[in-house]
Structures are given as C-alpha cells and as structure tokens.
Amino acid sequence: MKPQPSYILFILLFLSAFASKAQVTASNYVAPHGVIVHADSRLDILMRKYRNVQLGVIRSGSGFRVQIYNGNDRVKANDIKISFIRRYPNVKTYMTYVQPQFRVKVGDFRTRAEAYKFYVEVSNYFDPCMIVPDIIVINTLQDD
C-alpha cells in the first residue's frame, strides 16, 4: 500500500511544528569594546555567575575555631549547640562526632588573635572552651 501525499504532508507539518518550538531564543549581549554578540540567552546566566566569582569566592583553608563542648553525651552536645545559637545567631556552629567524642566548635577565624577575642567573650558562658586549629570556610563575597 502506497502512502497518500496528504498523509506525508500532514506528518511533515506536524513534525515541523515541534521543531520550531525547540529553538532557543537568542539575546543581545554587549561585550567590552562595543561588540554586540547575538547569543543564546543562557549566556546571560553564565556571565552573571562569572561576575559573582570576580567579586568574591567561598573556599576553605586553615584557620581556627572555638571549641565549646567535647564529650560523649549527644544530648548535652545538642543542648549546648542550641544554647549557643540562641545567644549568637550570626556565628556558625559545627558539631562533629569522632568516636567516642562529640565536639561543638563555633566560628570561622583566620587568625588565632581573632579567635582569642571571641574566646574571651564565649568563655563567660561556656566552660571549658578552647581555641583549636581547623579547616574553616573563607567567604570573600561582597554581598555576604
């Protein structure tokens, strides 16, 4: 049986309608030196990400934290962590478990001097506490 031309025409029109919907819209991007780039709209997203990287980065590095709890009682570690968060909501807290000890550490300080200033303030509420070297999060983003 030979297909009729009207069926073939209908199938071609049907497939071309889907193909036309699959095209990506282009955007105009003005590059440095006045050059206009007609490009995919996803380029704008990549350029925004690139600009954010130029403003700052989030990375890890060597630094110090103040340890406010070291023991093998998980409930007590959680209570101390919650108590600290209520008192200092803008300071990051970290709870780790290295068998058999739970440790609650706070802050991300680049130098021991910065950590010591915070240690003096925290030692009034949490005892015993100490300054420990650790891998910290270094955030240099401007919009932090």
N, C-alpha and C. Protein backbone atom coordinates (compact mmCIF):
# COMPACT_ATOMS: atom_id res chain seq x y z
N MET A 1 0.83 -1.18 0.00
CA MET A 1 0.00 0.00 0.00
C MET A 1 0.87 1.23 0.00
N LYS A 2 0.59 2.12 -0.90
CA LYS A 2 1.38 3.32 -1.08
C LYS A 2 0.77 4.46 -0.25
N PRO A 3 1.59 5.19 0.59
CA PRO A 3 1.03 6.28 1.38
C PRO A 3 0.60 7.43 0.49
N GLN A 4 -0.49 8.02 0.84
CA GLN A 4 -1.00 9.15 0.07
C GLN A 4 -0.22 10.41 0.40
N PRO A 5 -0.08 11.31 -0.58
CA PRO A 5 0.69 12.54 -0.35
C PRO A 5 0.11 13.40 0.75
N SER A 6 -1.16 13.36 0.98
CA SER A 6 -1.75 14.19 2.04
C SER A 6 -1.30 13.72 3.42
N TYR A 7 -1.11 12.42 3.61
CA TYR A 7 -0.61 11.91 4.89
C TYR A 7 0.83 12.34 5.11
N ILE A 8 1.63 12.25 4.08
CA ILE A 8 3.03 12.65 4.19
C ILE A 8 3.12 14.14 4.51
N LEU A 9 2.32 14.95 3.85
CA LEU A 9 2.31 16.38 4.10
C LEU A 9 1.87 16.68 5.53
N PHE A 10 0.88 15.97 6.00
CA PHE A 10 0.39 16.17 7.38
C PHE A 10 1.48 15.81 8.39
N ILE A 11 2.17 14.71 8.19
CA ILE A 11 3.23 14.30 9.11
C ILE A 11 4.38 15.31 9.10
N LEU A 12 4.76 15.80 7.93
CA LEU A 12 5.85 16.80 7.85
C LEU A 12 5.46 18.10 8.55
N LEU A 13 4.24 18.56 8.37
CA LEU A 13 3.79 19.76 9.06
C LEU A 13 3.74 19.55 10.58
N PHE A 14 3.31 18.39 11.00
CA PHE A 14 3.23 18.06 12.42
C PHE A 14 4.62 18.07 13.05
N LEU A 15 5.60 17.45 12.40
CA LEU A 15 6.96 17.41 12.93
C LEU A 15 7.63 18.78 12.89
N SER A 16 7.35 19.57 11.89
CA SER A 16 7.97 20.89 11.81
C SER A 16 7.44 21.82 12.90
N ALA A 17 6.21 21.60 13.34
CA ALA A 17 5.66 22.41 14.43
C ALA A 17 6.43 22.15 15.72
N PHE A 18 6.78 20.90 15.99
CA PHE A 18 7.57 20.58 17.18
C PHE A 18 8.99 21.10 17.06
N ALA A 19 9.55 21.03 15.89
CA ALA A 19 10.92 21.50 15.70
C ALA A 19 11.01 23.01 15.90
N SER A 20 10.01 23.74 15.52
CA SER A 20 10.05 25.20 15.68
C SER A 20 9.93 25.59 17.15
N LYS A 21 9.26 24.79 17.99
CA LYS A 21 9.14 25.07 19.42
C LYS A 21 10.44 24.78 20.14
N ALA A 22 11.30 23.95 19.58
CA ALA A 22 12.52 23.52 20.25
C ALA A 22 13.66 24.51 20.09
N GLN A 23 13.46 25.56 19.34
CA GLN A 23 14.55 26.51 19.14
C GLN A 23 14.74 27.36 20.39
N VAL A 24 15.99 27.72 20.65
CA VAL A 24 16.34 28.53 21.81
C VAL A 24 16.36 29.99 21.38
N THR A 25 15.80 30.86 22.23
CA THR A 25 15.78 32.27 21.88
C THR A 25 17.17 32.87 22.06
N ALA A 26 17.48 33.82 21.25
CA ALA A 26 18.78 34.47 21.31
C ALA A 26 18.64 35.79 22.02
N SER A 27 19.73 36.24 22.61
CA SER A 27 19.73 37.54 23.27
C SER A 27 20.91 38.35 22.75
N ASN A 28 20.81 39.64 22.91
CA ASN A 28 21.90 40.51 22.50
C ASN A 28 22.75 40.81 23.72
N TYR A 29 24.02 40.54 23.64
CA TYR A 29 24.96 40.79 24.72
C TYR A 29 26.00 41.78 24.21
N VAL A 30 26.14 42.87 24.92
CA VAL A 30 27.12 43.86 24.51
C VAL A 30 28.41 43.56 25.25
N ALA A 31 29.38 43.10 24.53
CA ALA A 31 30.68 42.76 25.11
C ALA A 31 31.52 44.03 25.22
N PRO A 32 32.64 43.95 25.94
CA PRO A 32 33.52 45.11 26.01
C PRO A 32 33.95 45.56 24.61
N HIS A 33 34.26 46.81 24.46
CA HIS A 33 34.70 47.45 23.21
C HIS A 33 33.56 47.60 22.21
N GLY A 34 32.29 47.58 22.68
CA GLY A 34 31.16 47.88 21.84
C GLY A 34 30.76 46.80 20.86
N VAL A 35 31.22 45.58 21.03
CA VAL A 35 30.87 44.49 20.12
C VAL A 35 29.54 43.89 20.60
N ILE A 36 28.59 43.73 19.68
CA ILE A 36 27.31 43.13 20.02
C ILE A 36 27.37 41.65 19.66
N VAL A 37 27.08 40.81 20.64
CA VAL A 37 27.10 39.37 20.43
C VAL A 37 25.66 38.88 20.42
N HIS A 38 25.24 38.28 19.34
CA HIS A 38 23.93 37.65 19.26
C HIS A 38 24.13 36.21 19.72
N ALA A 39 23.63 35.91 20.93
CA ALA A 39 23.97 34.62 21.52
C ALA A 39 22.76 34.00 22.21
N ASP A 40 22.97 32.82 22.66
CA ASP A 40 21.98 32.08 23.41
C ASP A 40 21.67 32.83 24.71
N SER A 41 20.41 32.80 25.14
CA SER A 41 20.01 33.52 26.35
C SER A 41 20.66 32.95 27.60
N ARG A 42 21.13 31.72 27.55
CA ARG A 42 21.80 31.12 28.69
C ARG A 42 23.16 31.74 28.94
N LEU A 43 23.67 32.47 27.96
CA LEU A 43 24.95 33.16 28.14
C LEU A 43 24.84 34.22 29.24
N ASP A 44 23.68 34.86 29.37
CA ASP A 44 23.48 35.85 30.43
C ASP A 44 23.65 35.23 31.81
N ILE A 45 23.15 34.03 31.98
CA ILE A 45 23.27 33.35 33.27
C ILE A 45 24.74 33.06 33.57
N LEU A 46 25.46 32.59 32.57
CA LEU A 46 26.88 32.31 32.78
C LEU A 46 27.67 33.58 33.09
N MET A 47 27.32 34.68 32.42
CA MET A 47 28.03 35.94 32.67
C MET A 47 27.77 36.44 34.09
N ARG A 48 26.54 36.28 34.60
CA ARG A 48 26.25 36.68 35.98
C ARG A 48 27.05 35.85 36.96
N LYS A 49 27.15 34.55 36.71
CA LYS A 49 27.95 33.68 37.59
C LYS A 49 29.42 34.10 37.55
N TYR A 50 29.93 34.42 36.36
CA TYR A 50 31.31 34.83 36.21
C TYR A 50 31.58 36.12 36.98
N ARG A 51 30.66 37.07 36.91
CA ARG A 51 30.83 38.33 37.64
C ARG A 51 30.83 38.09 39.15
N ASN A 52 29.99 37.18 39.64
CA ASN A 52 29.98 36.86 41.07
C ASN A 52 31.29 36.25 41.51
N VAL A 53 31.91 35.45 40.66
CA VAL A 53 33.20 34.87 41.01
C VAL A 53 34.25 35.96 41.09
N GLN A 54 34.16 36.97 40.23
CA GLN A 54 35.12 38.06 40.27
C GLN A 54 34.99 38.88 41.55
N LEU A 55 33.77 39.01 42.09
CA LEU A 55 33.56 39.79 43.29
C LEU A 55 34.10 39.09 44.53
N GLY A 56 34.03 37.80 44.59
CA GLY A 56 34.50 37.07 45.76
C GLY A 56 34.30 35.59 45.59
N VAL A 57 34.82 34.84 46.55
CA VAL A 57 34.74 33.39 46.48
C VAL A 57 34.42 32.84 47.87
N ILE A 58 33.95 31.63 47.88
CA ILE A 58 33.80 30.87 49.11
C ILE A 58 34.70 29.66 48.97
N ARG A 59 35.64 29.53 49.88
CA ARG A 59 36.58 28.42 49.82
C ARG A 59 36.93 27.99 51.23
N SER A 60 37.72 26.96 51.37
CA SER A 60 38.15 26.50 52.68
C SER A 60 39.65 26.69 52.82
N GLY A 61 40.09 26.81 54.06
CA GLY A 61 41.50 27.00 54.32
C GLY A 61 41.80 26.80 55.79
N SER A 62 43.05 26.93 56.15
CA SER A 62 43.46 26.76 57.55
C SER A 62 43.03 27.95 58.38
N GLY A 63 42.57 27.68 59.58
CA GLY A 63 42.15 28.74 60.48
C GLY A 63 41.91 28.18 61.86
N PHE A 64 41.05 28.86 62.61
CA PHE A 64 40.81 28.48 64.00
C PHE A 64 39.31 28.54 64.31
N ARG A 65 38.91 27.72 65.27
CA ARG A 65 37.56 27.75 65.81
C ARG A 65 37.65 27.65 67.33
N VAL A 66 36.56 28.05 67.99
CA VAL A 66 36.49 27.92 69.44
C VAL A 66 35.64 26.70 69.75
N GLN A 67 36.23 25.75 70.47
CA GLN A 67 35.52 24.52 70.83
C GLN A 67 34.84 24.75 72.17
N ILE A 68 33.50 24.60 72.19
CA ILE A 68 32.76 24.87 73.42
C ILE A 68 32.25 23.60 74.11
N TYR A 69 32.38 22.45 73.45
CA TYR A 69 31.99 21.19 74.09
C TYR A 69 32.80 20.06 73.50
N ASN A 70 33.21 19.14 74.39
CA ASN A 70 33.91 17.93 73.99
C ASN A 70 33.51 16.85 74.99
N GLY A 71 32.72 15.89 74.53
CA GLY A 71 32.27 14.82 75.41
C GLY A 71 31.52 13.77 74.65
N ASN A 72 31.07 12.72 75.37
CA ASN A 72 30.41 11.62 74.67
C ASN A 72 28.90 11.61 74.90
N ASP A 73 28.32 12.72 75.32
CA ASP A 73 26.87 12.82 75.51
C ASP A 73 26.27 13.65 74.37
N ARG A 74 25.55 12.95 73.49
CA ARG A 74 24.98 13.62 72.31
C ARG A 74 23.91 14.64 72.69
N VAL A 75 23.08 14.31 73.66
CA VAL A 75 22.00 15.22 74.07
C VAL A 75 22.59 16.51 74.63
N LYS A 76 23.63 16.39 75.45
CA LYS A 76 24.27 17.57 76.01
C LYS A 76 24.93 18.41 74.91
N ALA A 77 25.54 17.74 73.93
CA ALA A 77 26.17 18.46 72.81
C ALA A 77 25.12 19.25 72.04
N ASN A 78 23.96 18.64 71.77
CA ASN A 78 22.89 19.36 71.07
C ASN A 78 22.36 20.52 71.89
N ASP A 79 22.21 20.31 73.20
CA ASP A 79 21.73 21.39 74.07
C ASP A 79 22.70 22.57 74.07
N ILE A 80 23.98 22.30 74.15
CA ILE A 80 24.98 23.37 74.13
C ILE A 80 24.97 24.08 72.78
N LYS A 81 24.83 23.32 71.72
CA LYS A 81 24.79 23.93 70.38
C LYS A 81 23.57 24.85 70.25
N ILE A 82 22.42 24.40 70.70
CA ILE A 82 21.19 25.21 70.62
C ILE A 82 21.32 26.45 71.50
N SER A 83 21.89 26.28 72.67
CA SER A 83 22.09 27.42 73.57
C SER A 83 23.01 28.46 72.94
N PHE A 84 24.05 27.99 72.28
CA PHE A 84 24.97 28.92 71.62
C PHE A 84 24.28 29.65 70.47
N ILE A 85 23.51 28.92 69.68
CA ILE A 85 22.82 29.54 68.53
C ILE A 85 21.84 30.60 69.01
N ARG A 86 21.18 30.36 70.11
CA ARG A 86 20.26 31.37 70.65
C ARG A 86 21.01 32.62 71.10
N ARG A 87 22.17 32.43 71.69
CA ARG A 87 22.95 33.56 72.20
C ARG A 87 23.68 34.31 71.08
N TYR A 88 24.20 33.55 70.10
CA TYR A 88 24.96 34.14 68.98
C TYR A 88 24.38 33.62 67.66
N PRO A 89 23.29 34.19 67.17
CA PRO A 89 22.65 33.64 65.96
C PRO A 89 23.44 33.86 64.67
N ASN A 90 24.38 34.79 64.65
CA ASN A 90 25.12 35.08 63.41
C ASN A 90 26.44 34.32 63.31
N VAL A 91 26.78 33.53 64.32
CA VAL A 91 28.04 32.78 64.31
C VAL A 91 27.73 31.33 63.95
N LYS A 92 28.47 30.79 62.99
CA LYS A 92 28.24 29.41 62.54
C LYS A 92 28.70 28.42 63.60
N THR A 93 27.93 27.35 63.74
CA THR A 93 28.29 26.28 64.68
C THR A 93 28.48 24.98 63.92
N TYR A 94 29.38 24.15 64.43
CA TYR A 94 29.70 22.88 63.78
C TYR A 94 29.76 21.81 64.86
N MET A 95 28.99 20.74 64.68
CA MET A 95 29.05 19.61 65.59
C MET A 95 29.59 18.41 64.84
N THR A 96 30.64 17.81 65.37
CA THR A 96 31.27 16.65 64.75
C THR A 96 31.28 15.50 65.73
N TYR A 97 31.40 14.31 65.19
CA TYR A 97 31.49 13.11 66.01
C TYR A 97 32.69 12.31 65.55
N VAL A 98 33.68 12.19 66.43
CA VAL A 98 34.82 11.31 66.20
C VAL A 98 34.79 10.33 67.36
N GLN A 99 34.52 9.09 67.06
CA GLN A 99 34.22 8.10 68.07
C GLN A 99 35.22 8.13 69.21
N PRO A 100 34.84 8.24 70.44
CA PRO A 100 33.51 8.32 71.02
C PRO A 100 33.11 9.73 71.43
N GLN A 101 33.72 10.75 70.86
CA GLN A 101 33.54 12.13 71.31
C GLN A 101 32.69 12.96 70.35
N PHE A 102 31.76 13.74 70.93
CA PHE A 102 31.05 14.78 70.20
C PHE A 102 31.79 16.09 70.47
N ARG A 103 31.96 16.88 69.43
CA ARG A 103 32.62 18.18 69.60
C ARG A 103 31.75 19.26 68.98
N VAL A 104 31.58 20.35 69.70
CA VAL A 104 30.85 21.51 69.18
C VAL A 104 31.86 22.63 69.05
N LYS A 105 32.06 23.08 67.80
CA LYS A 105 33.00 24.16 67.52
C LYS A 105 32.23 25.31 66.88
N VAL A 106 32.70 26.52 67.13
CA VAL A 106 31.99 27.70 66.64
C VAL A 106 32.96 28.66 65.98
N GLY A 107 32.43 29.40 64.97
CA GLY A 107 33.18 30.45 64.32
C GLY A 107 34.09 29.97 63.21
N ASP A 108 34.49 30.91 62.38
CA ASP A 108 35.47 30.70 61.31
C ASP A 108 36.46 31.87 61.41
N PHE A 109 37.59 31.65 62.06
CA PHE A 109 38.56 32.72 62.30
C PHE A 109 39.85 32.42 61.55
N ARG A 110 40.36 33.42 60.84
CA ARG A 110 41.58 33.24 60.06
C ARG A 110 42.82 33.24 60.94
N THR A 111 42.81 34.03 62.01
CA THR A 111 43.98 34.11 62.88
C THR A 111 43.61 33.71 64.30
N ARG A 112 44.63 33.33 65.06
CA ARG A 112 44.41 32.97 66.45
C ARG A 112 43.97 34.18 67.27
N ALA A 113 44.43 35.37 66.87
CA ALA A 113 44.05 36.59 67.59
C ALA A 113 42.55 36.86 67.48
N GLU A 114 41.97 36.68 66.28
CA GLU A 114 40.53 36.83 66.11
C GLU A 114 39.78 35.80 66.96
N ALA A 115 40.27 34.58 66.95
CA ALA A 115 39.63 33.52 67.73
C ALA A 115 39.73 33.81 69.22
N TYR A 116 40.85 34.39 69.66
CA TYR A 116 41.03 34.68 71.08
C TYR A 116 40.04 35.74 71.56
N LYS A 117 39.79 36.76 70.73
CA LYS A 117 38.81 37.79 71.11
C LYS A 117 37.44 37.16 71.34
N PHE A 118 37.06 36.25 70.47
CA PHE A 118 35.76 35.60 70.62
C PHE A 118 35.79 34.60 71.79
N TYR A 119 36.93 33.95 72.00
CA TYR A 119 37.09 33.00 73.10
C TYR A 119 36.86 33.69 74.44
N VAL A 120 37.40 34.89 74.60
CA VAL A 120 37.23 35.64 75.85
C VAL A 120 35.75 35.92 76.09
N GLU A 121 35.03 36.28 75.04
CA GLU A 121 33.60 36.57 75.17
C GLU A 121 32.78 35.31 75.48
N VAL A 122 33.11 34.22 74.82
CA VAL A 122 32.34 32.98 74.96
C VAL A 122 32.65 32.26 76.26
N SER A 123 33.87 32.39 76.77
CA SER A 123 34.26 31.65 77.97
C SER A 123 33.47 32.06 79.19
N ASN A 124 32.79 33.20 79.15
CA ASN A 124 31.92 33.59 80.26
C ASN A 124 30.68 32.72 80.34
N TYR A 125 30.24 32.16 79.22
CA TYR A 125 29.00 31.37 79.16
C TYR A 125 29.24 29.87 79.05
N PHE A 126 30.30 29.47 78.38
CA PHE A 126 30.57 28.05 78.13
C PHE A 126 31.94 27.71 78.70
N ASP A 127 31.94 26.76 79.63
CA ASP A 127 33.19 26.39 80.27
C ASP A 127 33.25 24.88 80.34
N PRO A 128 34.30 24.21 80.00
CA PRO A 128 35.54 24.73 79.45
C PRO A 128 35.43 24.94 77.94
N CYS A 129 36.19 25.87 77.43
CA CYS A 129 36.28 26.05 75.98
C CYS A 129 37.73 26.34 75.64
N MET A 130 38.05 26.14 74.38
CA MET A 130 39.44 26.30 73.95
C MET A 130 39.50 26.63 72.46
N ILE A 131 40.62 27.20 72.03
CA ILE A 131 40.85 27.52 70.63
C ILE A 131 41.52 26.32 69.98
N VAL A 132 40.96 25.88 68.84
CA VAL A 132 41.51 24.72 68.14
C VAL A 132 41.75 25.07 66.68
N PRO A 133 42.85 24.59 66.10
CA PRO A 133 43.05 24.78 64.66
C PRO A 133 42.09 23.88 63.89
N ASP A 134 41.61 24.39 62.76
CA ASP A 134 40.63 23.63 61.97
C ASP A 134 40.63 24.14 60.54
N ILE A 135 39.99 23.40 59.66
CA ILE A 135 39.75 23.85 58.29
C ILE A 135 38.48 24.68 58.33
N ILE A 136 38.58 25.96 57.94
CA ILE A 136 37.45 26.88 58.06
C ILE A 136 36.92 27.26 56.69
N VAL A 137 35.74 27.86 56.68
CA VAL A 137 35.12 28.38 55.47
C VAL A 137 35.52 29.84 55.34
N ILE A 138 36.16 30.20 54.23
CA ILE A 138 36.58 31.58 53.98
C ILE A 138 35.66 32.15 52.94
N ASN A 139 34.90 33.17 53.31
CA ASN A 139 33.91 33.78 52.42
C ASN A 139 34.33 35.21 52.12
N THR A 140 34.65 35.49 50.86
CA THR A 140 35.04 36.84 50.48
C THR A 140 34.02 37.50 49.56
N LEU A 141 32.80 36.96 49.52
CA LEU A 141 31.76 37.57 48.70
C LEU A 141 31.36 38.93 49.29
N GLN A 142 31.09 39.90 48.42
CA GLN A 142 30.75 41.24 48.86
C GLN A 142 29.33 41.32 49.42
N ASP A 143 28.42 40.48 48.94
CA ASP A 143 27.02 40.56 49.36
C ASP A 143 26.72 39.68 50.54
N ASP A 144 27.70 39.35 51.35
CA ASP A 144 27.52 38.46 52.50
C ASP A 144 26.79 39.13 53.63
